[in-house]
Amino acid sequence: MVTTSLAPGWLRRNGVPYGSRTRVIEHYRTFQDPTGAQWFNVTIQVIDPEHLNRPFNTTADFRKEPDGSKWAPHPCAQIGGN
């Protein structure tokens, strides 16, 4: 997936800024490891000609759980007054 026309912001909270000409490319892949476990991989590439000398790459792997026992969604809580 390719994302463009981003509003300027930060790659990380305490990190490098990115500009309005930034392009984000995401790749998604599922695979099975030798033990038979199912995985989901997300690779993200950030290309910003204004603030980066080269593409910024990150990747994350997520293992599929065998059932929904660890899934416990709950509503967001408001922080602060009002």
PDB file of N, CA and C in Angstrom:
ATOM      1  N   MET A   1       0.850  -1.127   0.000  1.00  0.00           N
ATOM      2  CA  MET A   1       0.000   0.000   0.000  1.00  0.00           C
ATOM      3  C   MET A   1       0.918   1.218   0.000  1.00  0.00           C
ATOM      4  N   VAL A   2       0.553   2.247  -0.771  1.00  0.00           N
ATOM      5  CA  VAL A   2       1.327   3.484  -0.831  1.00  0.00           C
ATOM      6  C   VAL A   2       0.466   4.631  -0.315  1.00  0.00           C
ATOM      7  N   THR A   3       1.033   5.417   0.598  1.00  0.00           N
ATOM      8  CA  THR A   3       0.337   6.571   1.155  1.00  0.00           C
ATOM      9  C   THR A   3       1.129   7.829   0.835  1.00  0.00           C
ATOM     10  N   THR A   4       0.446   8.836   0.312  1.00  0.00           N
ATOM     11  CA  THR A   4       1.061  10.122   0.001  1.00  0.00           C
ATOM     12  C   THR A   4       0.185  11.239   0.559  1.00  0.00           C
ATOM     13  N   SER A   5       0.561  12.469   0.314  1.00  0.00           N
ATOM     14  CA  SER A   5      -0.199  13.655   0.756  1.00  0.00           C
ATOM     15  C   SER A   5      -0.366  13.686   2.273  1.00  0.00           C
ATOM     16  N   LEU A   6       0.693  13.346   2.984  1.00  0.00           N
ATOM     17  CA  LEU A   6       0.655  13.358   4.450  1.00  0.00           C
ATOM     18  C   LEU A   6       0.832  14.778   4.975  1.00  0.00           C
ATOM     19  N   ALA A   7       0.210  15.060   6.104  1.00  0.00           N
ATOM     20  CA  ALA A   7       0.484  16.315   6.808  1.00  0.00           C
ATOM     21  C   ALA A   7       1.832  16.139   7.508  1.00  0.00           C
ATOM     22  N   PRO A   8       2.682  17.155   7.546  1.00  0.00           N
ATOM     23  CA  PRO A   8       3.979  17.018   8.225  1.00  0.00           C
ATOM     24  C   PRO A   8       3.804  16.557   9.670  1.00  0.00           C
ATOM     25  N   GLY A   9       4.768  15.785  10.145  1.00  0.00           N
ATOM     26  CA  GLY A   9       4.697  15.253  11.502  1.00  0.00           C
ATOM     27  C   GLY A   9       6.040  14.694  11.919  1.00  0.00           C
ATOM     28  N   TRP A  10       6.016  13.700  12.802  1.00  0.00           N
ATOM     29  CA  TRP A  10       7.230  13.082  13.339  1.00  0.00           C
ATOM     30  C   TRP A  10       7.210  11.583  13.087  1.00  0.00           C
ATOM     31  N   LEU A  11       8.376  11.025  12.699  1.00  0.00           N
ATOM     32  CA  LEU A  11       8.471   9.574  12.513  1.00  0.00           C
ATOM     33  C   LEU A  11       8.279   8.847  13.844  1.00  0.00           C
ATOM     34  N   ARG A  12       8.833   9.408  14.901  1.00  0.00           N
ATOM     35  CA  ARG A  12       8.678   8.898  16.255  1.00  0.00           C
ATOM     36  C   ARG A  12       8.530  10.097  17.170  1.00  0.00           C
ATOM     37  N   ARG A  13       8.025   9.902  18.368  1.00  0.00           N
ATOM     38  CA  ARG A  13       7.791  11.025  19.278  1.00  0.00           C
ATOM     39  C   ARG A  13       9.015  11.904  19.478  1.00  0.00           C
ATOM     40  N   ASN A  14      10.162  11.294  19.666  1.00  0.00           N
ATOM     41  CA  ASN A  14      11.377  12.062  19.915  1.00  0.00           C
ATOM     42  C   ASN A  14      12.334  12.001  18.725  1.00  0.00           C
ATOM     43  N   GLY A  15      11.795  11.796  17.545  1.00  0.00           N
ATOM     44  CA  GLY A  15      12.648  11.537  16.400  1.00  0.00           C
ATOM     45  C   GLY A  15      12.657  12.609  15.332  1.00  0.00           C
ATOM     46  N   VAL A  16      12.911  12.159  14.159  1.00  0.00           N
ATOM     47  CA  VAL A  16      13.071  13.001  12.988  1.00  0.00           C
ATOM     48  C   VAL A  16      11.704  13.411  12.439  1.00  0.00           C
ATOM     49  N   PRO A  17      11.591  14.660  11.971  1.00  0.00           N
ATOM     50  CA  PRO A  17      10.329  15.072  11.358  1.00  0.00           C
ATOM     51  C   PRO A  17      10.192  14.491   9.954  1.00  0.00           C
ATOM     52  N   TYR A  18       8.974  14.498   9.430  1.00  0.00           N
ATOM     53  CA  TYR A  18       8.754  14.175   8.022  1.00  0.00           C
ATOM     54  C   TYR A  18       7.914  15.287   7.419  1.00  0.00           C
ATOM     55  N   GLY A  19       8.095  15.482   6.123  1.00  0.00           N
ATOM     56  CA  GLY A  19       7.436  16.592   5.447  1.00  0.00           C
ATOM     57  C   GLY A  19       6.247  16.164   4.608  1.00  0.00           C
ATOM     58  N   SER A  20       5.669  17.126   3.926  1.00  0.00           N
ATOM     59  CA  SER A  20       4.458  16.893   3.135  1.00  0.00           C
ATOM     60  C   SER A  20       4.719  16.088   1.862  1.00  0.00           C
ATOM     61  N   ARG A  21       5.980  15.964   1.442  1.00  0.00           N
ATOM     62  CA  ARG A  21       6.307  15.164   0.245  1.00  0.00           C
ATOM     63  C   ARG A  21       6.666  13.721   0.586  1.00  0.00           C
ATOM     64  N   THR A  22       6.446  13.333   1.819  1.00  0.00           N
ATOM     65  CA  THR A  22       6.775  11.978   2.277  1.00  0.00           C
ATOM     66  C   THR A  22       5.866  10.947   1.621  1.00  0.00           C
ATOM     67  N   ARG A  23       6.452   9.798   1.331  1.00  0.00           N
ATOM     68  CA  ARG A  23       5.703   8.663   0.783  1.00  0.00           C
ATOM     69  C   ARG A  23       5.946   7.463   1.691  1.00  0.00           C
ATOM     70  N   VAL A  24       4.880   6.777   2.087  1.00  0.00           N
ATOM     71  CA  VAL A  24       4.965   5.599   2.953  1.00  0.00           C
ATOM     72  C   VAL A  24       4.513   4.386   2.145  1.00  0.00           C
ATOM     73  N   ILE A  25       5.367   3.373   2.118  1.00  0.00           N
ATOM     74  CA  ILE A  25       5.062   2.137   1.391  1.00  0.00           C
ATOM     75  C   ILE A  25       4.988   1.007   2.408  1.00  0.00           C
ATOM     76  N   GLU A  26       3.868   0.294   2.426  1.00  0.00           N
ATOM     77  CA  GLU A  26       3.666  -0.812   3.361  1.00  0.00           C
ATOM     78  C   GLU A  26       3.503  -2.115   2.595  1.00  0.00           C
ATOM     79  N   HIS A  27       4.169  -3.145   3.077  1.00  0.00           N
ATOM     80  CA  HIS A  27       4.056  -4.490   2.510  1.00  0.00           C
ATOM     81  C   HIS A  27       3.550  -5.421   3.607  1.00  0.00           C
ATOM     82  N   TYR A  28       2.611  -6.276   3.265  1.00  0.00           N
ATOM     83  CA  TYR A  28       2.027  -7.232   4.207  1.00  0.00           C
ATOM     84  C   TYR A  28       2.272  -8.639   3.686  1.00  0.00           C
ATOM     85  N   ARG A  29       2.637  -9.547   4.591  1.00  0.00           N
ATOM     86  CA  ARG A  29       2.916 -10.913   4.179  1.00  0.00           C
ATOM     87  C   ARG A  29       2.532 -11.864   5.299  1.00  0.00           C
ATOM     88  N   THR A  30       1.914 -12.965   4.947  1.00  0.00           N
ATOM     89  CA  THR A  30       1.654 -14.027   5.909  1.00  0.00           C
ATOM     90  C   THR A  30       2.570 -15.195   5.570  1.00  0.00           C
ATOM     91  N   PHE A  31       2.988 -15.916   6.599  1.00  0.00           N
ATOM     92  CA  PHE A  31       3.848 -17.071   6.361  1.00  0.00           C
ATOM     93  C   PHE A  31       3.730 -18.046   7.519  1.00  0.00           C
ATOM     94  N   GLN A  32       4.215 -19.244   7.304  1.00  0.00           N
ATOM     95  CA  GLN A  32       4.199 -20.302   8.313  1.00  0.00           C
ATOM     96  C   GLN A  32       5.641 -20.667   8.630  1.00  0.00           C
ATOM     97  N   ASP A  33       5.985 -20.718   9.929  1.00  0.00           N
ATOM     98  CA  ASP A  33       7.355 -21.082  10.300  1.00  0.00           C
ATOM     99  C   ASP A  33       7.489 -22.613  10.342  1.00  0.00           C
ATOM    100  N   PRO A  34       8.702 -23.135  10.554  1.00  0.00           N
ATOM    101  CA  PRO A  34       8.910 -24.592  10.546  1.00  0.00           C
ATOM    102  C   PRO A  34       8.104 -25.352  11.596  1.00  0.00           C
ATOM    103  N   THR A  35       7.664 -24.675  12.670  1.00  0.00           N
ATOM    104  CA  THR A  35       6.871 -25.357  13.692  1.00  0.00           C
ATOM    105  C   THR A  35       5.391 -25.406  13.325  1.00  0.00           C
ATOM    106  N   GLY A  36       5.012 -24.704  12.252  1.00  0.00           N
ATOM    107  CA  GLY A  36       3.617 -24.668  11.837  1.00  0.00           C
ATOM    108  C   GLY A  36       2.865 -23.432  12.294  1.00  0.00           C
ATOM    109  N   ALA A  37       3.514 -22.564  13.074  1.00  0.00           N
ATOM    110  CA  ALA A  37       2.847 -21.351  13.545  1.00  0.00           C
ATOM    111  C   ALA A  37       2.620 -20.381  12.380  1.00  0.00           C
ATOM    112  N   GLN A  38       1.483 -19.714  12.411  1.00  0.00           N
ATOM    113  CA  GLN A  38       1.139 -18.740  11.380  1.00  0.00           C
ATOM    114  C   GLN A  38       1.602 -17.348  11.817  1.00  0.00           C
ATOM    115  N   TRP A  39       2.185 -16.587  10.896  1.00  0.00           N
ATOM    116  CA  TRP A  39       2.720 -15.253  11.182  1.00  0.00           C
ATOM    117  C   TRP A  39       2.200 -14.248  10.173  1.00  0.00           C
ATOM    118  N   PHE A  40       2.193 -12.979  10.597  1.00  0.00           N
ATOM    119  CA  PHE A  40       1.812 -11.840   9.760  1.00  0.00           C
ATOM    120  C   PHE A  40       2.954 -10.833   9.878  1.00  0.00           C
ATOM    121  N   ASN A  41       3.540 -10.449   8.763  1.00  0.00           N
ATOM    122  CA  ASN A  41       4.663  -9.522   8.754  1.00  0.00           C
ATOM    123  C   ASN A  41       4.248  -8.215   8.089  1.00  0.00           C
ATOM    124  N   VAL A  42       4.620  -7.089   8.711  1.00  0.00           N
ATOM    125  CA  VAL A  42       4.376  -5.765   8.160  1.00  0.00           C
ATOM    126  C   VAL A  42       5.725  -5.075   7.993  1.00  0.00           C
ATOM    127  N   THR A  43       6.040  -4.652   6.777  1.00  0.00           N
ATOM    128  CA  THR A  43       7.258  -3.905   6.502  1.00  0.00           C
ATOM    129  C   THR A  43       6.852  -2.528   6.011  1.00  0.00           C
ATOM    130  N   ILE A  44       7.436  -1.488   6.621  1.00  0.00           N
ATOM    131  CA  ILE A  44       7.087  -0.111   6.282  1.00  0.00           C
ATOM    132  C   ILE A  44       8.351   0.619   5.842  1.00  0.00           C
ATOM    133  N   GLN A  45       8.248   1.317   4.719  1.00  0.00           N
ATOM    134  CA  GLN A  45       9.342   2.129   4.209  1.00  0.00           C
ATOM    135  C   GLN A  45       8.851   3.569   4.091  1.00  0.00           C
ATOM    136  N   VAL A  46       9.579   4.497   4.727  1.00  0.00           N
ATOM    137  CA  VAL A  46       9.243   5.912   4.674  1.00  0.00           C
ATOM    138  C   VAL A  46      10.293   6.606   3.822  1.00  0.00           C
ATOM    139  N   ILE A  47       9.843   7.297   2.780  1.00  0.00           N
ATOM    140  CA  ILE A  47      10.737   8.016   1.877  1.00  0.00           C
ATOM    141  C   ILE A  47      10.396   9.496   1.970  1.00  0.00           C
ATOM    142  N   ASP A  48      11.354  10.285   2.434  1.00  0.00           N
ATOM    143  CA  ASP A  48      11.146  11.731   2.588  1.00  0.00           C
ATOM    144  C   ASP A  48      12.382  12.467   2.067  1.00  0.00           C
ATOM    145  N   PRO A  49      12.277  13.059   0.879  1.00  0.00           N
ATOM    146  CA  PRO A  49      13.440  13.740   0.302  1.00  0.00           C
ATOM    147  C   PRO A  49      13.857  14.989   1.076  1.00  0.00           C
ATOM    148  N   GLU A  50      12.980  15.507   1.916  1.00  0.00           N
ATOM    149  CA  GLU A  50      13.285  16.728   2.653  1.00  0.00           C
ATOM    150  C   GLU A  50      14.089  16.479   3.933  1.00  0.00           C
ATOM    151  N   HIS A  51      13.756  15.416   4.684  1.00  0.00           N
ATOM    152  CA  HIS A  51      14.366  15.192   5.989  1.00  0.00           C
ATOM    153  C   HIS A  51      15.230  13.937   6.096  1.00  0.00           C
ATOM    154  N   LEU A  52      15.137  13.017   5.154  1.00  0.00           N
ATOM    155  CA  LEU A  52      15.875  11.755   5.240  1.00  0.00           C
ATOM    156  C   LEU A  52      16.890  11.628   4.111  1.00  0.00           C
ATOM    157  N   ASN A  53      18.094  11.152   4.446  1.00  0.00           N
ATOM    158  CA  ASN A  53      19.120  10.901   3.433  1.00  0.00           C
ATOM    159  C   ASN A  53      18.877   9.596   2.693  1.00  0.00           C
ATOM    160  N   ARG A  54      18.160   8.686   3.331  1.00  0.00           N
ATOM    161  CA  ARG A  54      17.838   7.384   2.737  1.00  0.00           C
ATOM    162  C   ARG A  54      16.500   6.936   3.306  1.00  0.00           C
ATOM    163  N   PRO A  55      15.870   5.941   2.724  1.00  0.00           N
ATOM    164  CA  PRO A  55      14.582   5.467   3.248  1.00  0.00           C
ATOM    165  C   PRO A  55      14.719   4.965   4.685  1.00  0.00           C
ATOM    166  N   PHE A  56      13.672   5.182   5.467  1.00  0.00           N
ATOM    167  CA  PHE A  56      13.577   4.697   6.845  1.00  0.00           C
ATOM    168  C   PHE A  56      12.700   3.453   6.815  1.00  0.00           C
ATOM    169  N   ASN A  57      13.239   2.323   7.267  1.00  0.00           N
ATOM    170  CA  ASN A  57      12.530   1.043   7.202  1.00  0.00           C
ATOM    171  C   ASN A  57      12.269   0.491   8.590  1.00  0.00           C
ATOM    172  N   THR A  58      11.067  -0.047   8.779  1.00  0.00           N
ATOM    173  CA  THR A  58      10.739  -0.778  10.001  1.00  0.00           C
ATOM    174  C   THR A  58       9.980  -2.038   9.608  1.00  0.00           C
ATOM    175  N   THR A  59      10.026  -3.010  10.495  1.00  0.00           N
ATOM    176  CA  THR A  59       9.285  -4.240  10.262  1.00  0.00           C
ATOM    177  C   THR A  59       8.787  -4.787  11.591  1.00  0.00           C
ATOM    178  N   ALA A  60       7.665  -5.472  11.557  1.00  0.00           N
ATOM    179  CA  ALA A  60       7.097  -6.089  12.761  1.00  0.00           C
ATOM    180  C   ALA A  60       6.465  -7.414  12.372  1.00  0.00           C
ATOM    181  N   ASP A  61       6.613  -8.398  13.242  1.00  0.00           N
ATOM    182  CA  ASP A  61       6.021  -9.717  13.042  1.00  0.00           C
ATOM    183  C   ASP A  61       5.008  -9.982  14.149  1.00  0.00           C
ATOM    184  N   PHE A  62       3.901 -10.588  13.763  1.00  0.00           N
ATOM    185  CA  PHE A  62       2.835 -10.924  14.706  1.00  0.00           C
ATOM    186  C   PHE A  62       2.469 -12.383  14.530  1.00  0.00           C
ATOM    187  N   ARG A  63       2.489 -13.154  15.623  1.00  0.00           N
ATOM    188  CA  ARG A  63       2.137 -14.566  15.559  1.00  0.00           C
ATOM    189  C   ARG A  63       0.650 -14.729  15.827  1.00  0.00           C
ATOM    190  N   LYS A  64      -0.006 -15.535  15.031  1.00  0.00           N
ATOM    191  CA  LYS A  64      -1.428 -15.809  15.219  1.00  0.00           C
ATOM    192  C   LYS A  64      -1.614 -16.704  16.439  1.00  0.00           C
ATOM    193  N   GLU A  65      -2.511 -16.283  17.310  1.00  0.00           N
ATOM    194  CA  GLU A  65      -2.828 -17.075  18.493  1.00  0.00           C
ATOM    195  C   GLU A  65      -3.782 -18.204  18.102  1.00  0.00           C
ATOM    196  N   PRO A  66      -3.714 -19.335  18.798  1.00  0.00           N
ATOM    197  CA  PRO A  66      -4.537 -20.485  18.416  1.00  0.00           C
ATOM    198  C   PRO A  66      -6.034 -20.271  18.634  1.00  0.00           C
ATOM    199  N   ASP A  67      -6.402 -19.345  19.526  1.00  0.00           N
ATOM    200  CA  ASP A  67      -7.817 -19.084  19.786  1.00  0.00           C
ATOM    201  C   ASP A  67      -7.959 -17.637  20.249  1.00  0.00           C
ATOM    202  N   GLY A  68      -9.128 -17.233  20.643  1.00  0.00           N
ATOM    203  CA  GLY A  68      -9.368 -15.858  21.060  1.00  0.00           C
ATOM    204  C   GLY A  68      -9.177 -15.612  22.548  1.00  0.00           C
ATOM    205  N   SER A  69      -8.497 -16.500  23.262  1.00  0.00           N
ATOM    206  CA  SER A  69      -8.400 -16.380  24.712  1.00  0.00           C
ATOM    207  C   SER A  69      -7.626 -15.140  25.175  1.00  0.00           C
ATOM    208  N   LYS A  70      -6.724 -14.616  24.352  1.00  0.00           N
ATOM    209  CA  LYS A  70      -5.957 -13.430  24.741  1.00  0.00           C
ATOM    210  C   LYS A  70      -6.611 -12.141  24.248  1.00  0.00           C
ATOM    211  N   TRP A  71      -7.698 -12.255  23.533  1.00  0.00           N
ATOM    212  CA  TRP A  71      -8.403 -11.089  22.992  1.00  0.00           C
ATOM    213  C   TRP A  71      -9.369 -10.581  24.037  1.00  0.00           C
ATOM    214  N   ALA A  72      -9.121  -9.383  24.556  1.00  0.00           N
ATOM    215  CA  ALA A  72      -9.968  -8.810  25.595  1.00  0.00           C
ATOM    216  C   ALA A  72     -10.182  -7.322  25.324  1.00  0.00           C
ATOM    217  N   PRO A  73     -10.926  -6.979  24.281  1.00  0.00           N
ATOM    218  CA  PRO A  73     -11.124  -5.555  23.982  1.00  0.00           C
ATOM    219  C   PRO A  73     -11.941  -4.872  25.069  1.00  0.00           C
ATOM    220  N   HIS A  74     -11.688  -3.590  25.247  1.00  0.00           N
ATOM    221  CA  HIS A  74     -12.442  -2.793  26.207  1.00  0.00           C
ATOM    222  C   HIS A  74     -12.514  -1.361  25.689  1.00  0.00           C
ATOM    223  N   PRO A  75     -13.523  -0.620  26.089  1.00  0.00           N
ATOM    224  CA  PRO A  75     -13.666   0.749  25.600  1.00  0.00           C
ATOM    225  C   PRO A  75     -12.536   1.636  26.099  1.00  0.00           C
ATOM    226  N   CYS A  76     -12.209   2.660  25.339  1.00  0.00           N
ATOM    227  CA  CYS A  76     -11.199   3.629  25.736  1.00  0.00           C
ATOM    228  C   CYS A  76     -11.686   4.434  26.926  1.00  0.00           C
ATOM    229  N   ALA A  77     -10.775   4.794  27.790  1.00  0.00           N
ATOM    230  CA  ALA A  77     -11.120   5.618  28.950  1.00  0.00           C
ATOM    231  C   ALA A  77     -10.657   7.037  28.706  1.00  0.00           C
ATOM    232  N   GLN A  78     -11.467   7.998  29.074  1.00  0.00           N
ATOM    233  CA  GLN A  78     -11.092   9.396  28.934  1.00  0.00           C
ATOM    234  C   GLN A  78     -10.131   9.758  30.049  1.00  0.00           C
ATOM    235  N   ILE A  79      -9.051  10.444  29.699  1.00  0.00           N
ATOM    236  CA  ILE A  79      -8.049  10.853  30.674  1.00  0.00           C
ATOM    237  C   ILE A  79      -8.279  12.311  31.031  1.00  0.00           C
ATOM    238  N   GLY A  80      -8.187  12.634  32.299  1.00  0.00           N
ATOM    239  CA  GLY A  80      -8.362  14.005  32.727  1.00  0.00           C
ATOM    240  C   GLY A  80      -9.810  14.287  33.126  1.00  0.00           C
ATOM    241  N   GLY A  81     -10.110  15.569  33.336  1.00  0.00           N
ATOM    242  CA  GLY A  81     -11.457  15.975  33.738  1.00  0.00           C
ATOM    243  C   GLY A  81     -12.448  15.889  32.592  1.00  0.00           C
ATOM    244  N   ASN A  82     -13.536  16.504  32.695  1.00  0.00           N
ATOM    245  CA  ASN A  82     -14.614  16.632  31.699  1.00  0.00           C
ATOM    246  C   ASN A  82     -14.816  15.379  30.915  1.00  0.00           C
TER     247      ASN A  82
END
